[in-house]
């Protein structure tokens, strides 16, 4: 797949993924919301590290600067 995540987008995803992950691991009481937060964190971090977002591809979006 072609990379479609820009530098700013990548930074926001890493920050949000880290925050969601920390909240998901430390939030009490343990509920389904913890699982949702952890899944969202994983998605954000994986897409940021890979540089590719499947949802962006599906909708034809691209935040990456032109080379």
Foldseek 3Di string as FASTA:
>chain_A
DDFFAADVLLVVLQVQLVVLQVCLVPPPPHDVSSVVSNVSSVLSNVCSVVRHDPVCVVVVHGPHDDD
